[in-house]
Amino acid sequence: MKKTNMEVVSKNTGRVMTLEPSEYLEKIPEAPGYLTPRAKKYFSRNAEILIKAKRLKNLHLEALAILADNLEQKHWAITAIIKKNRKKAGSGYMQKYSTGATNITTELVVRRDAEKRIMECLSLFGMDPKSDKALGSNDTGQLSLFEELQKQMSKTN
C-alpha cells in the first residue's frame, strides 16, 4: 500500500503544510488556536507524553485537541462543583427546583460527559491497559505489571 502525503492549511499561520500520516512526531506540535489557554497546556503536556511513547502521529492531532478540550471542561466542572459545595454542602451535585423536584447539576453532567470522552481519547492512544494490549505495546508497563501480579497470585494458590 502506497503512503500518501496530506496537505493541510495551518489555522495559525495560514501556510500549507505537507504531512506524512504514518510518521510519528518527534516535536510537540503547536496547539490549535481555538483551544483555551488551559486546554493548550493540556494539549502540549499530553503531546509530550505521547511523543515519548511513540504514539503521536499527524493524523492524531485532532483527537489530541479533543482530549485537551475535554480535560479543560472537566477541570472547569470540578472547580465549579467545589465552589458550590463550599457555599452549601452537596449543592455542587444536586440542584433543587422551585417545584421541589431535584436533579443532578449541570456541572456534574459536564464532568461526566468530559470524563467519558477523555477515556475514549485515551483508548485511541493506547493509554489504558486494554487498548495498550490491543495496540501490542508494552511501553507503559501496565500490562507487564498486571501479568507479574497474576503470576505471583497463581504461585500462592
Protein backbone atom coordinates (compact mmCIF):
# COMPACT_ATOMS: atom_id res chain seq x y z
CA MET A 1 0.00 0.00 0.00
CA LYS A 2 1.39 3.37 -1.02
CA LYS A 3 1.69 6.05 1.65
CA THR A 4 0.09 9.30 0.65
CA ASN A 5 1.02 12.69 1.99
CA MET A 6 -1.66 15.09 3.06
CA GLU A 7 -1.64 18.85 2.60
CA VAL A 8 -3.30 20.93 5.27
CA VAL A 9 -3.55 24.65 5.91
CA SER A 10 -2.33 25.77 9.31
CA LYS A 11 -5.05 27.71 11.16
CA ASN A 12 -2.41 29.73 12.98
CA THR A 13 -0.10 30.71 10.11
CA GLY A 14 -2.22 30.11 7.01
CA ARG A 15 0.67 28.20 5.41
CA VAL A 16 0.20 24.92 3.57
CA MET A 17 1.97 22.04 5.30
CA THR A 18 2.63 18.59 3.91
CA LEU A 19 2.04 15.83 6.43
CA GLU A 20 3.14 12.25 6.17
CA PRO A 21 0.37 10.46 8.08
CA SER A 22 2.28 7.37 9.14
CA GLU A 23 5.25 9.11 10.75
CA TYR A 24 5.42 9.55 14.50
CA LEU A 25 6.04 13.08 15.64
CA GLU A 26 9.25 13.98 17.40
CA LYS A 27 8.44 17.58 18.37
CA ILE A 28 5.48 18.94 20.28
CA PRO A 29 3.12 20.46 17.70
CA GLU A 30 1.52 23.86 18.13
CA ALA A 31 -1.88 23.66 19.79
CA PRO A 32 -4.87 24.70 17.67
CA GLY A 33 -5.79 28.35 18.05
CA TYR A 34 -9.39 27.59 19.05
CA LEU A 35 -8.34 25.94 22.32
CA THR A 36 -8.42 27.93 25.56
CA PRO A 37 -5.08 28.71 27.24
CA ARG A 38 -5.59 25.89 29.78
CA ALA A 39 -6.57 23.42 27.03
CA LYS A 40 -3.42 24.40 25.11
CA LYS A 41 -1.38 23.43 28.18
CA TYR A 42 -3.15 20.05 28.30
CA PHE A 43 -2.51 19.66 24.55
CA SER A 44 1.23 20.26 24.96
CA ARG A 45 1.55 18.12 28.11
CA ASN A 46 -0.24 15.15 26.52
CA ALA A 47 1.59 15.59 23.22
CA GLU A 48 4.87 15.29 25.10
CA ILE A 49 3.71 12.08 26.80
CA LEU A 50 2.50 10.58 23.52
CA ILE A 51 5.69 11.53 21.66
CA LYS A 52 7.82 9.83 24.32
CA ALA A 53 5.63 6.73 24.00
CA LYS A 54 5.91 6.83 20.16
CA ARG A 55 2.14 7.10 19.82
CA LEU A 56 1.51 10.52 18.27
CA LYS A 57 1.12 10.90 14.51
CA ASN A 58 -0.03 13.87 12.46
CA LEU A 59 -3.37 12.19 11.91
CA HIS A 60 -3.91 12.09 15.68
CA LEU A 61 -3.72 15.83 16.28
CA GLU A 62 -7.47 16.43 16.17
CA ALA A 63 -8.05 13.61 18.67
CA LEU A 64 -5.38 15.20 20.87
CA ALA A 65 -7.18 18.56 20.63
CA ILE A 66 -10.46 16.88 21.62
CA LEU A 67 -8.69 15.25 24.58
CA ALA A 68 -7.23 18.61 25.68
CA ASP A 69 -10.57 20.39 25.34
CA ASN A 70 -12.33 17.75 27.43
CA LEU A 71 -9.62 17.85 30.10
CA GLU A 72 -10.25 21.59 30.32
CA GLN A 73 -14.03 21.03 30.55
CA LYS A 74 -13.51 18.51 33.34
CA HIS A 75 -11.28 20.99 35.19
CA TRP A 76 -13.95 23.70 34.85
CA ALA A 77 -16.70 21.38 36.08
CA ILE A 78 -14.75 20.16 39.11
CA THR A 79 -13.83 23.73 40.05
CA ALA A 80 -17.49 24.79 39.79
CA ILE A 81 -18.66 21.80 41.85
CA ILE A 82 -16.13 22.55 44.59
CA LYS A 83 -17.14 26.23 44.62
CA LYS A 84 -20.84 25.34 45.01
CA ASN A 85 -20.11 22.76 47.71
CA ARG A 86 -18.18 25.38 49.71
CA LYS A 87 -21.28 27.58 49.77
CA LYS A 88 -23.65 24.75 50.66
CA ALA A 89 -22.70 21.10 51.15
CA GLY A 90 -23.94 18.91 48.31
CA SER A 91 -25.16 21.78 46.13
CA GLY A 92 -22.45 21.02 43.57
CA TYR A 93 -24.09 17.64 42.94
CA MET A 94 -27.83 18.20 43.33
CA GLN A 95 -29.99 21.13 42.39
CA LYS A 96 -33.44 21.75 43.74
CA TYR A 97 -36.12 23.48 41.69
CA SER A 98 -38.87 25.76 43.00
CA THR A 99 -41.35 22.92 42.40
CA GLY A 100 -39.42 20.78 44.87
CA ALA A 101 -38.02 18.47 42.20
CA THR A 102 -34.30 17.64 42.30
CA ASN A 103 -31.79 16.69 39.66
CA ILE A 104 -28.05 16.45 39.24
CA THR A 105 -26.29 19.72 38.45
CA THR A 106 -25.20 20.85 35.02
CA GLU A 107 -21.59 20.82 36.26
CA LEU A 108 -21.88 17.16 37.18
CA VAL A 109 -23.23 16.35 33.70
CA VAL A 110 -20.38 18.30 32.07
CA ARG A 111 -17.82 16.44 34.22
CA ARG A 112 -19.35 13.04 33.46
CA ASP A 113 -19.54 13.69 29.72
CA ALA A 114 -15.98 15.07 29.62
CA GLU A 115 -14.66 12.03 31.52
CA LYS A 116 -16.36 9.71 29.04
CA ARG A 117 -14.80 11.49 26.06
CA ILE A 118 -11.42 11.61 27.84
CA MET A 119 -11.47 7.83 28.30
CA GLU A 120 -12.43 7.37 24.64
CA CYS A 121 -9.49 9.54 23.54
CA LEU A 122 -7.09 7.80 25.91
CA SER A 123 -8.08 4.43 24.48
CA LEU A 124 -7.36 5.72 20.95
CA PHE A 125 -3.80 6.39 22.04
CA GLY A 126 -3.41 3.11 23.95
CA MET A 127 -3.24 4.92 27.27
CA ASP A 128 -5.31 2.41 29.21
CA PRO A 129 -4.43 -1.26 29.87
CA LYS A 130 -6.97 -2.76 27.45
CA SER A 131 -6.12 -0.59 24.45
CA ASP A 132 -2.42 -0.77 25.30
CA LYS A 133 -2.62 -4.54 24.91
CA ALA A 134 -4.72 -4.25 21.72
CA LEU A 135 -2.11 -1.97 20.16
CA GLY A 136 0.54 -4.55 21.01
CA SER A 137 2.65 -2.18 23.02
CA ASN A 138 4.08 -2.68 26.45
CA ASP A 139 5.74 0.73 26.75
CA THR A 140 3.62 1.87 29.69
CA GLY A 141 4.48 -1.20 31.75
CA GLN A 142 0.84 -1.55 32.83
CA LEU A 143 0.36 -4.88 31.14
CA SER A 144 3.61 -6.41 32.38
CA LEU A 145 2.85 -5.23 35.90
CA PHE A 146 -0.57 -6.89 35.72
CA GLU A 147 0.92 -10.11 34.32
CA GLU A 148 3.55 -10.17 37.07
CA LEU A 149 0.81 -9.74 39.68
CA GLN A 150 -1.12 -12.65 38.14
CA LYS A 151 2.00 -14.87 38.29
CA GLN A 152 2.55 -14.03 41.94
CA MET A 153 -1.08 -14.75 42.78
CA SER A 154 -1.03 -18.09 40.97
CA LYS A 155 2.07 -19.14 42.95
CA THR A 156 0.27 -18.60 46.24
CA ASN A 157 -2.84 -20.56 45.19
